[in-house]
Amino acid sequence: MITIKDEEKSVACETRQKAICPKFEHTFAILGKKWMGLIIDVLLEGPQRFKDIAATIPNVSDRVLVERLKELEQEGLVARTVDPDATMRVAYSLTEKGQALKVVMADVQKWADEWICVQEA
């Protein structure tokens, strides 16, 4: 406990560090990985095939995109659906848990619009 003395009053302040919530930390571990936010943003538009996701995010390699989609699937944010009528036609979509990020993503976009300035190369 630290006591700060002012001429008019004495204020007591605790010095313990605020604990970080493990759920909050895990959420940022997921969403903070490169390409995760962009993949989720693309899937908010609806189910997408791999090639369509890759075309929308041209700088991500196929290997990394596969990795990230698997991670999102393991976290329960993305569902992978195989069309039995078409040869190797796979679609990715957000689960209910993934769709719940829609408001969060919209808020991040609003914040970015207000505070981030991107210089064109």
N, C-alpha and C. Protein backbone atom coordinates (compact mmCIF):
# COMPACT_ATOMS: atom_id res chain seq x y z
N MET A 1 0.84 -1.17 0.00
CA MET A 1 0.00 0.00 0.00
C MET A 1 0.89 1.23 0.00
N ILE A 2 0.58 2.16 -0.89
CA ILE A 2 1.32 3.41 -0.97
C ILE A 2 0.38 4.53 -0.55
N THR A 3 0.87 5.40 0.25
CA THR A 3 0.07 6.55 0.65
C THR A 3 0.65 7.79 0.01
N ILE A 4 -0.20 8.53 -0.68
CA ILE A 4 0.22 9.76 -1.34
C ILE A 4 -0.31 10.91 -0.50
N LYS A 5 0.58 11.74 -0.05
CA LYS A 5 0.16 12.87 0.79
C LYS A 5 0.08 14.13 -0.04
N ASP A 6 -1.05 14.71 -0.01
CA ASP A 6 -1.31 15.97 -0.67
C ASP A 6 -1.48 17.01 0.44
N GLU A 7 -1.37 18.26 0.11
CA GLU A 7 -1.53 19.29 1.13
C GLU A 7 -2.91 19.24 1.77
N GLU A 8 -3.92 18.89 0.96
CA GLU A 8 -5.28 18.91 1.48
C GLU A 8 -5.77 17.56 1.97
N LYS A 9 -5.24 16.45 1.40
CA LYS A 9 -5.76 15.14 1.79
C LYS A 9 -4.69 14.07 1.63
N SER A 10 -4.96 12.93 2.17
CA SER A 10 -4.08 11.78 2.08
C SER A 10 -4.84 10.69 1.32
N VAL A 11 -4.26 10.14 0.22
CA VAL A 11 -4.93 9.14 -0.61
C VAL A 11 -4.16 7.84 -0.55
N ALA A 12 -4.84 6.73 -0.28
CA ALA A 12 -4.20 5.42 -0.23
C ALA A 12 -4.39 4.73 -1.58
N CYS A 13 -3.32 4.13 -2.13
CA CYS A 13 -3.37 3.44 -3.42
C CYS A 13 -2.80 2.04 -3.26
N GLU A 14 -3.46 1.06 -3.82
CA GLU A 14 -2.92 -0.30 -3.81
C GLU A 14 -1.93 -0.44 -4.95
N THR A 15 -0.87 -1.23 -4.73
CA THR A 15 0.16 -1.38 -5.76
C THR A 15 0.11 -2.73 -6.45
N ARG A 16 -0.83 -3.61 -6.08
CA ARG A 16 -0.84 -4.93 -6.71
C ARG A 16 -1.21 -4.82 -8.19
N GLN A 17 -0.61 -5.67 -8.98
CA GLN A 17 -0.85 -5.66 -10.42
C GLN A 17 -2.19 -6.32 -10.71
N LYS A 18 -2.94 -5.77 -11.62
CA LYS A 18 -4.22 -6.34 -12.03
C LYS A 18 -3.96 -7.67 -12.71
N ALA A 19 -4.67 -8.71 -12.31
CA ALA A 19 -4.53 -10.03 -12.92
C ALA A 19 -5.20 -10.03 -14.30
N ILE A 20 -4.57 -10.69 -15.24
CA ILE A 20 -5.13 -10.80 -16.58
C ILE A 20 -6.01 -12.05 -16.64
N CYS A 21 -7.21 -11.89 -17.12
CA CYS A 21 -8.15 -13.00 -17.24
C CYS A 21 -7.61 -14.00 -18.26
N PRO A 22 -7.53 -15.28 -17.92
CA PRO A 22 -7.02 -16.28 -18.87
C PRO A 22 -7.86 -16.36 -20.15
N LYS A 23 -9.16 -16.14 -20.06
CA LYS A 23 -10.01 -16.17 -21.26
C LYS A 23 -9.67 -15.00 -22.19
N PHE A 24 -9.46 -13.83 -21.61
CA PHE A 24 -9.09 -12.65 -22.38
C PHE A 24 -7.74 -12.88 -23.06
N GLU A 25 -6.80 -13.41 -22.30
CA GLU A 25 -5.46 -13.70 -22.84
C GLU A 25 -5.53 -14.70 -23.99
N HIS A 26 -6.33 -15.77 -23.82
CA HIS A 26 -6.45 -16.79 -24.87
C HIS A 26 -7.12 -16.21 -26.12
N THR A 27 -8.11 -15.36 -25.91
CA THR A 27 -8.79 -14.73 -27.04
C THR A 27 -7.80 -13.92 -27.88
N PHE A 28 -6.95 -13.14 -27.22
CA PHE A 28 -5.97 -12.36 -27.97
C PHE A 28 -4.88 -13.22 -28.57
N ALA A 29 -4.60 -14.36 -27.96
CA ALA A 29 -3.64 -15.30 -28.55
C ALA A 29 -4.17 -15.82 -29.88
N ILE A 30 -5.47 -16.03 -29.95
CA ILE A 30 -6.10 -16.50 -31.20
C ILE A 30 -6.19 -15.36 -32.21
N LEU A 31 -6.88 -14.30 -31.83
CA LEU A 31 -7.15 -13.21 -32.76
C LEU A 31 -5.91 -12.40 -33.12
N GLY A 32 -4.89 -12.47 -32.28
CA GLY A 32 -3.68 -11.70 -32.53
C GLY A 32 -2.73 -12.34 -33.53
N LYS A 33 -2.99 -13.60 -33.90
CA LYS A 33 -2.13 -14.25 -34.88
C LYS A 33 -2.35 -13.61 -36.25
N LYS A 34 -1.27 -13.51 -36.98
CA LYS A 34 -1.36 -12.91 -38.30
C LYS A 34 -2.38 -13.65 -39.17
N TRP A 35 -3.20 -12.92 -39.85
CA TRP A 35 -4.22 -13.35 -40.79
C TRP A 35 -5.54 -13.78 -40.14
N MET A 36 -5.57 -14.06 -38.85
CA MET A 36 -6.80 -14.56 -38.21
C MET A 36 -7.95 -13.58 -38.37
N GLY A 37 -7.72 -12.32 -38.05
CA GLY A 37 -8.78 -11.33 -38.15
C GLY A 37 -9.30 -11.18 -39.57
N LEU A 38 -8.38 -11.21 -40.54
CA LEU A 38 -8.80 -11.08 -41.94
C LEU A 38 -9.62 -12.29 -42.39
N ILE A 39 -9.21 -13.47 -41.97
CA ILE A 39 -9.95 -14.69 -42.32
C ILE A 39 -11.35 -14.63 -41.74
N ILE A 40 -11.46 -14.25 -40.47
CA ILE A 40 -12.78 -14.13 -39.84
C ILE A 40 -13.61 -13.10 -40.58
N ASP A 41 -13.01 -11.97 -40.92
CA ASP A 41 -13.73 -10.91 -41.62
C ASP A 41 -14.27 -11.40 -42.96
N VAL A 42 -13.48 -12.17 -43.70
CA VAL A 42 -13.93 -12.73 -44.98
C VAL A 42 -15.10 -13.69 -44.75
N LEU A 43 -15.00 -14.52 -43.72
CA LEU A 43 -16.05 -15.50 -43.45
C LEU A 43 -17.33 -14.89 -42.89
N LEU A 44 -17.24 -13.66 -42.39
CA LEU A 44 -18.46 -12.98 -41.94
C LEU A 44 -19.40 -12.70 -43.10
N GLU A 45 -18.86 -12.72 -44.32
CA GLU A 45 -19.69 -12.52 -45.52
C GLU A 45 -20.50 -13.77 -45.87
N GLY A 46 -20.16 -14.90 -45.26
CA GLY A 46 -20.86 -16.16 -45.54
C GLY A 46 -19.87 -17.25 -45.89
N PRO A 47 -20.37 -18.46 -46.13
CA PRO A 47 -19.49 -19.60 -46.45
C PRO A 47 -18.61 -19.30 -47.66
N GLN A 48 -17.37 -19.73 -47.58
CA GLN A 48 -16.40 -19.46 -48.65
C GLN A 48 -15.59 -20.72 -48.94
N ARG A 49 -15.24 -20.89 -50.19
CA ARG A 49 -14.31 -21.95 -50.55
C ARG A 49 -12.89 -21.46 -50.31
N PHE A 50 -11.97 -22.39 -50.16
CA PHE A 50 -10.58 -22.06 -49.86
C PHE A 50 -10.02 -21.07 -50.88
N LYS A 51 -10.24 -21.35 -52.15
CA LYS A 51 -9.68 -20.49 -53.21
C LYS A 51 -10.23 -19.07 -53.13
N ASP A 52 -11.47 -18.93 -52.68
CA ASP A 52 -12.07 -17.60 -52.56
C ASP A 52 -11.48 -16.82 -51.38
N ILE A 53 -11.23 -17.53 -50.29
CA ILE A 53 -10.59 -16.89 -49.14
C ILE A 53 -9.18 -16.45 -49.55
N ALA A 54 -8.46 -17.35 -50.21
CA ALA A 54 -7.08 -17.05 -50.65
C ALA A 54 -7.06 -15.86 -51.62
N ALA A 55 -8.05 -15.77 -52.49
CA ALA A 55 -8.10 -14.67 -53.46
C ALA A 55 -8.41 -13.33 -52.77
N THR A 56 -9.19 -13.38 -51.70
CA THR A 56 -9.55 -12.17 -50.97
C THR A 56 -8.39 -11.66 -50.12
N ILE A 57 -7.55 -12.60 -49.66
CA ILE A 57 -6.37 -12.25 -48.85
C ILE A 57 -5.14 -12.71 -49.62
N PRO A 58 -4.74 -11.99 -50.66
CA PRO A 58 -3.71 -12.48 -51.58
C PRO A 58 -2.31 -12.66 -50.99
N ASN A 59 -1.98 -11.99 -49.89
CA ASN A 59 -0.62 -12.09 -49.34
C ASN A 59 -0.40 -13.29 -48.44
N VAL A 60 -1.45 -14.02 -48.11
CA VAL A 60 -1.30 -15.18 -47.24
C VAL A 60 -0.97 -16.40 -48.11
N SER A 61 0.02 -17.19 -47.67
CA SER A 61 0.37 -18.39 -48.43
C SER A 61 -0.68 -19.47 -48.18
N ASP A 62 -0.79 -20.41 -49.11
CA ASP A 62 -1.75 -21.51 -48.95
C ASP A 62 -1.47 -22.31 -47.68
N ARG A 63 -0.20 -22.53 -47.40
CA ARG A 63 0.19 -23.31 -46.22
C ARG A 63 -0.28 -22.63 -44.94
N VAL A 64 -0.06 -21.33 -44.85
CA VAL A 64 -0.46 -20.58 -43.65
C VAL A 64 -1.98 -20.50 -43.57
N LEU A 65 -2.65 -20.31 -44.70
CA LEU A 65 -4.11 -20.25 -44.69
C LEU A 65 -4.70 -21.57 -44.19
N VAL A 66 -4.16 -22.69 -44.64
CA VAL A 66 -4.62 -24.00 -44.17
C VAL A 66 -4.42 -24.11 -42.66
N GLU A 67 -3.24 -23.70 -42.20
CA GLU A 67 -2.92 -23.74 -40.77
C GLU A 67 -3.91 -22.92 -39.95
N ARG A 68 -4.15 -21.69 -40.40
CA ARG A 68 -5.04 -20.80 -39.66
C ARG A 68 -6.47 -21.31 -39.66
N LEU A 69 -6.93 -21.83 -40.79
CA LEU A 69 -8.29 -22.38 -40.84
C LEU A 69 -8.43 -23.57 -39.89
N LYS A 70 -7.40 -24.41 -39.82
CA LYS A 70 -7.43 -25.55 -38.88
C LYS A 70 -7.48 -25.07 -37.43
N GLU A 71 -6.69 -24.04 -37.14
CA GLU A 71 -6.69 -23.48 -35.78
C GLU A 71 -8.05 -22.91 -35.42
N LEU A 72 -8.65 -22.17 -36.35
CA LEU A 72 -9.98 -21.61 -36.11
C LEU A 72 -11.02 -22.71 -35.95
N GLU A 73 -10.86 -23.78 -36.70
CA GLU A 73 -11.77 -24.93 -36.58
C GLU A 73 -11.60 -25.59 -35.21
N GLN A 74 -10.37 -25.76 -34.75
CA GLN A 74 -10.10 -26.36 -33.45
C GLN A 74 -10.67 -25.50 -32.31
N GLU A 75 -10.68 -24.20 -32.50
CA GLU A 75 -11.22 -23.29 -31.49
C GLU A 75 -12.75 -23.22 -31.54
N GLY A 76 -13.34 -23.86 -32.53
CA GLY A 76 -14.79 -23.86 -32.63
C GLY A 76 -15.36 -22.61 -33.28
N LEU A 77 -14.51 -21.85 -33.96
CA LEU A 77 -14.96 -20.62 -34.62
C LEU A 77 -15.35 -20.85 -36.08
N VAL A 78 -14.76 -21.88 -36.69
CA VAL A 78 -14.98 -22.16 -38.11
C VAL A 78 -15.42 -23.62 -38.28
N ALA A 79 -16.35 -23.80 -39.20
CA ALA A 79 -16.80 -25.16 -39.57
C ALA A 79 -16.34 -25.44 -40.99
N ARG A 80 -15.84 -26.64 -41.19
CA ARG A 80 -15.38 -27.08 -42.52
C ARG A 80 -16.41 -28.09 -43.02
N THR A 81 -17.00 -27.80 -44.17
CA THR A 81 -18.04 -28.66 -44.72
C THR A 81 -17.61 -29.19 -46.08
N VAL A 82 -17.67 -30.51 -46.24
CA VAL A 82 -17.33 -31.15 -47.51
C VAL A 82 -18.63 -31.45 -48.25
N ASP A 83 -18.72 -30.98 -49.49
CA ASP A 83 -19.90 -31.24 -50.32
C ASP A 83 -19.77 -32.63 -50.91
N PRO A 84 -20.65 -33.56 -50.53
CA PRO A 84 -20.54 -34.94 -51.02
C PRO A 84 -20.85 -35.09 -52.51
N ASP A 85 -21.54 -34.12 -53.09
CA ASP A 85 -21.91 -34.19 -54.51
C ASP A 85 -20.80 -33.71 -55.44
N ALA A 86 -19.84 -32.99 -54.91
CA ALA A 86 -18.77 -32.45 -55.75
C ALA A 86 -17.44 -33.03 -55.29
N THR A 87 -16.56 -33.26 -56.22
CA THR A 87 -15.25 -33.79 -55.90
C THR A 87 -14.43 -32.73 -55.17
N MET A 88 -14.06 -33.04 -53.94
CA MET A 88 -13.19 -32.18 -53.14
C MET A 88 -13.67 -30.74 -53.02
N ARG A 89 -14.96 -30.53 -52.96
CA ARG A 89 -15.46 -29.17 -52.76
C ARG A 89 -15.68 -28.97 -51.26
N VAL A 90 -14.88 -28.07 -50.70
CA VAL A 90 -14.93 -27.80 -49.26
C VAL A 90 -15.29 -26.34 -49.06
N ALA A 91 -16.18 -26.10 -48.12
CA ALA A 91 -16.55 -24.73 -47.79
C ALA A 91 -16.25 -24.48 -46.31
N TYR A 92 -15.86 -23.27 -46.01
CA TYR A 92 -15.60 -22.86 -44.64
C TYR A 92 -16.62 -21.80 -44.26
N SER A 93 -17.12 -21.90 -43.04
CA SER A 93 -18.08 -20.91 -42.55
C SER A 93 -17.86 -20.71 -41.06
N LEU A 94 -18.36 -19.59 -40.57
CA LEU A 94 -18.25 -19.33 -39.15
C LEU A 94 -19.35 -20.09 -38.41
N THR A 95 -18.99 -20.62 -37.27
CA THR A 95 -19.97 -21.25 -36.39
C THR A 95 -20.72 -20.14 -35.65
N GLU A 96 -21.65 -20.52 -34.81
CA GLU A 96 -22.35 -19.52 -33.99
C GLU A 96 -21.34 -18.75 -33.14
N LYS A 97 -20.37 -19.46 -32.61
CA LYS A 97 -19.31 -18.84 -31.80
C LYS A 97 -18.51 -17.84 -32.64
N GLY A 98 -18.21 -18.19 -33.88
CA GLY A 98 -17.49 -17.30 -34.77
C GLY A 98 -18.33 -16.10 -35.18
N GLN A 99 -19.61 -16.34 -35.43
CA GLN A 99 -20.53 -15.25 -35.82
C GLN A 99 -20.66 -14.23 -34.70
N ALA A 100 -20.47 -14.68 -33.45
CA ALA A 100 -20.57 -13.77 -32.31
C ALA A 100 -19.48 -12.70 -32.35
N LEU A 101 -18.46 -12.88 -33.18
CA LEU A 101 -17.39 -11.89 -33.31
C LEU A 101 -17.77 -10.74 -34.25
N LYS A 102 -18.93 -10.82 -34.88
CA LYS A 102 -19.33 -9.80 -35.85
C LYS A 102 -19.32 -8.39 -35.25
N VAL A 103 -19.89 -8.23 -34.07
CA VAL A 103 -19.94 -6.93 -33.41
C VAL A 103 -18.53 -6.47 -33.04
N VAL A 104 -17.72 -7.40 -32.56
CA VAL A 104 -16.33 -7.08 -32.18
C VAL A 104 -15.57 -6.60 -33.41
N MET A 105 -15.70 -7.32 -34.52
CA MET A 105 -14.99 -6.95 -35.74
C MET A 105 -15.46 -5.59 -36.25
N ALA A 106 -16.76 -5.31 -36.15
CA ALA A 106 -17.29 -4.01 -36.57
C ALA A 106 -16.71 -2.90 -35.69
N ASP A 107 -16.59 -3.16 -34.39
CA ASP A 107 -16.02 -2.16 -33.48
C ASP A 107 -14.53 -1.93 -33.77
N VAL A 108 -13.81 -3.00 -34.09
CA VAL A 108 -12.40 -2.86 -34.44
C VAL A 108 -12.27 -2.03 -35.72
N GLN A 109 -13.15 -2.25 -36.69
CA GLN A 109 -13.13 -1.48 -37.93
C GLN A 109 -13.40 0.00 -37.65
N LYS A 110 -14.38 0.29 -36.79
CA LYS A 110 -14.67 1.68 -36.43
C LYS A 110 -13.45 2.33 -35.78
N TRP A 111 -12.82 1.62 -34.85
CA TRP A 111 -11.64 2.14 -34.18
C TRP A 111 -10.53 2.40 -35.19
N ALA A 112 -10.31 1.44 -36.10
CA ALA A 112 -9.26 1.59 -37.12
C ALA A 112 -9.54 2.78 -38.03
N ASP A 113 -10.79 2.95 -38.42
CA ASP A 113 -11.15 4.08 -39.28
C ASP A 113 -10.83 5.42 -38.61
N GLU A 114 -11.00 5.46 -37.30
CA GLU A 114 -10.77 6.71 -36.58
C GLU A 114 -9.30 6.94 -36.24
N TRP A 115 -8.56 5.89 -35.92
CA TRP A 115 -7.25 6.06 -35.33
C TRP A 115 -6.06 5.57 -36.15
N ILE A 116 -6.28 4.78 -37.18
CA ILE A 116 -5.15 4.21 -37.93
C ILE A 116 -5.02 4.89 -39.27
N CYS A 117 -3.82 5.29 -39.60
CA CYS A 117 -3.52 5.89 -40.89
C CYS A 117 -2.55 4.96 -41.60
N VAL A 118 -2.92 4.45 -42.74
CA VAL A 118 -2.07 3.53 -43.49
C VAL A 118 -1.45 4.28 -44.67
N GLN A 119 -0.14 4.23 -44.74
CA GLN A 119 0.58 4.86 -45.84
C GLN A 119 0.64 3.88 -47.02
N GLU A 120 0.23 4.33 -48.17
CA GLU A 120 0.30 3.49 -49.36
C GLU A 120 1.75 3.35 -49.79
N ALA A 121 2.14 2.14 -50.16
CA ALA A 121 3.53 1.88 -50.55
C ALA A 121 3.84 2.39 -51.94
